[in-house]
Protein backbone atom coordinates (compact mmCIF):
# COMPACT_ATOMS: atom_id res chain seq x y z
CA UNK A 1 133.11 71.92 87.90
CA UNK A 2 135.86 70.74 90.26
CA UNK A 3 133.79 71.59 93.33
CA UNK A 4 130.82 69.62 91.94
CA UNK A 5 133.10 66.61 91.44
CA UNK A 6 134.48 66.92 94.98
CA UNK A 7 130.96 67.18 96.40
CA UNK A 8 129.98 64.06 94.42
CA UNK A 9 133.02 62.20 95.82
CA UNK A 10 132.15 63.24 99.37
CA UNK A 11 128.51 62.23 98.84
CA UNK A 12 129.60 58.82 97.52
CA UNK A 13 131.98 58.48 100.47
CA UNK A 14 129.12 58.97 102.92
CA UNK A 15 126.82 56.72 100.88
CA UNK A 16 129.29 53.81 101.00
CA UNK A 17 130.11 54.57 104.63
CA UNK A 18 126.41 54.28 105.47
CA UNK A 19 126.08 51.03 103.54
CA UNK A 20 129.19 49.71 105.27
CA UNK A 21 127.72 50.53 108.68
CA UNK A 22 124.53 48.70 107.69
CA UNK A 23 126.75 45.77 106.68
CA UNK A 24 128.03 45.52 110.24
CA UNK A 25 124.50 44.75 111.42
CA UNK A 26 123.30 42.78 108.37
CA UNK A 27 125.78 40.04 107.48
CA UNK A 28 124.44 39.81 103.93
CA UNK A 29 125.98 43.22 103.10
CA UNK A 30 129.80 43.18 102.85
CA UNK A 31 131.28 45.76 105.23
CA UNK A 32 134.94 45.85 104.22
CA UNK A 33 134.56 46.49 100.46
CA UNK A 34 132.00 49.22 101.11
CA UNK A 35 134.29 50.92 103.61
CA UNK A 36 137.13 50.63 101.07
CA UNK A 37 134.96 52.46 98.57
CA UNK A 38 134.11 55.09 101.18
CA UNK A 39 137.82 55.60 101.86
CA UNK A 40 138.55 55.90 98.14
CA UNK A 41 135.87 58.55 97.66
CA UNK A 42 136.89 60.50 100.78
CA UNK A 43 140.51 60.59 99.53
CA UNK A 44 139.29 61.96 96.19
CA UNK A 45 136.80 64.38 97.73
CA UNK A 46 138.42 66.08 100.68
CA UNK A 47 141.55 65.85 102.81
CA UNK A 48 139.49 66.81 105.84
CA UNK A 49 136.93 64.02 105.35
CA UNK A 50 139.74 61.58 104.56
CA UNK A 51 141.51 62.43 107.85
CA UNK A 52 138.20 62.21 109.71
CA UNK A 53 137.33 58.81 108.23
CA UNK A 54 140.79 57.38 108.92
CA UNK A 55 140.42 58.46 112.54
CA UNK A 56 137.16 56.56 113.06
CA UNK A 57 137.00 53.24 114.84
CA UNK A 58 135.27 51.77 111.76
CA UNK A 59 138.30 52.47 109.62
CA UNK A 60 140.72 51.20 112.25
CA UNK A 61 138.78 47.99 112.82
CA UNK A 62 137.95 47.07 109.23
CA UNK A 63 140.55 48.68 106.94
CA UNK A 64 143.69 49.84 108.71
CA UNK A 65 145.36 46.42 108.75
CA UNK A 66 144.82 45.99 105.02
CA UNK A 67 145.93 49.48 104.10
CA UNK A 68 149.05 49.54 106.29
CA UNK A 69 150.14 45.90 106.34
CA UNK A 70 148.18 44.19 103.52
CA UNK A 71 146.49 41.84 105.96
CA UNK A 72 142.90 40.74 106.59
CA UNK A 73 141.11 38.27 108.78
CA UNK A 74 139.76 35.13 107.15
CA UNK A 75 136.23 36.43 107.75
CA UNK A 76 137.00 39.69 105.91
CA UNK A 77 138.51 37.80 102.98
CA UNK A 78 135.61 35.39 102.70
CA UNK A 79 133.05 38.19 102.97
CA UNK A 80 134.65 40.06 100.09
CA UNK A 81 135.23 36.96 97.97
CA UNK A 82 131.76 35.47 98.44
CA UNK A 83 130.05 38.82 97.83
CA UNK A 84 131.99 39.20 94.60
CA UNK A 85 131.16 35.60 93.68
CA UNK A 86 127.46 36.35 94.12
CA UNK A 87 127.77 39.33 91.78
CA UNK A 88 129.75 37.32 89.23
CA UNK A 89 127.22 34.47 89.40
CA UNK A 90 124.47 36.65 87.91
CA UNK A 91 126.12 37.25 84.51
CA UNK A 92 127.50 33.69 84.61
CA UNK A 93 123.94 32.32 84.78
CA UNK A 94 122.48 34.81 82.29
CA UNK A 95 125.18 34.64 79.59
CA UNK A 96 125.11 32.03 76.85
CA UNK A 97 128.69 32.54 75.70
CA UNK A 98 131.05 29.80 76.82
CA UNK A 99 134.04 32.12 76.30
CA UNK A 100 132.60 34.73 78.69
CA UNK A 101 131.71 32.06 81.23
CA UNK A 102 135.29 30.75 81.10
CA UNK A 103 136.55 34.31 81.55
CA UNK A 104 134.36 34.74 84.64
CA UNK A 105 135.63 31.44 86.08
CA UNK A 106 139.20 32.64 85.48
CA UNK A 107 138.41 35.90 87.31
CA UNK A 108 137.04 33.97 90.29
CA UNK A 109 140.07 31.67 90.40
CA UNK A 110 142.45 34.64 90.20
CA UNK A 111 140.53 36.42 92.97
CA UNK A 112 141.01 33.51 95.33
CA UNK A 113 144.65 33.09 94.31
CA UNK A 114 145.34 36.78 94.97
CA UNK A 115 143.53 36.96 98.30
CA UNK A 116 145.16 33.85 99.73
CA UNK A 117 148.70 34.34 98.38
CA UNK A 118 149.19 38.11 98.28
CA UNK A 119 147.19 39.28 101.32
CA UNK A 120 148.28 37.96 104.70
CA UNK A 121 145.61 36.22 106.79
CA UNK A 122 145.63 37.24 110.45
CA UNK A 123 143.66 36.07 113.45
CA UNK A 124 140.81 38.34 114.54
CA UNK A 125 141.57 40.57 117.48
CA UNK A 126 140.20 39.22 120.71
CA UNK A 127 140.45 42.47 122.62
CA UNK A 128 142.89 41.06 125.14
CA UNK A 129 146.39 42.34 125.43
CA UNK A 130 149.13 39.90 126.34
CA UNK A 131 152.07 41.44 128.12
CA UNK A 132 155.25 39.83 129.25
CA UNK A 133 157.73 41.38 131.59
CA UNK A 134 161.25 41.37 130.23
CA UNK A 135 162.80 42.42 133.51
CA UNK A 136 162.05 40.47 136.66
CA UNK A 137 161.27 42.53 139.69
CA UNK A 138 163.56 41.80 142.61
CA UNK A 139 161.77 40.12 145.45
CA UNK A 140 162.20 41.54 148.93
CA UNK A 141 162.44 38.95 151.69
């Protein structure tokens, strides 16, 4: 039974990894949350797949900053928040209960509060490395 569960976790890891990769090309699909799910399932499924996934450039580009330093770019935050808002909007529109609608509004407000006060916003990497010499080289005249 344990091996079936591990295989299911690995399968789900690859499923969400694939969806996350599609999200890189199609902006309507949120990349970061799907890769977070992939990471979660790889951790649960196999140490080997977890190590492999954490060594990929996808992980390093989209998740490593959040996992190690609790930081995200503004684009990553907005992608996650707006995707979640779209999912929350469906029951908000369908439900008749004012109490449930108020609860959903409270969830949305808390989401934004958490993302903008608890997770550091960083500038996206530009790919350029700025170096500064601390020791001046002596000039020969």
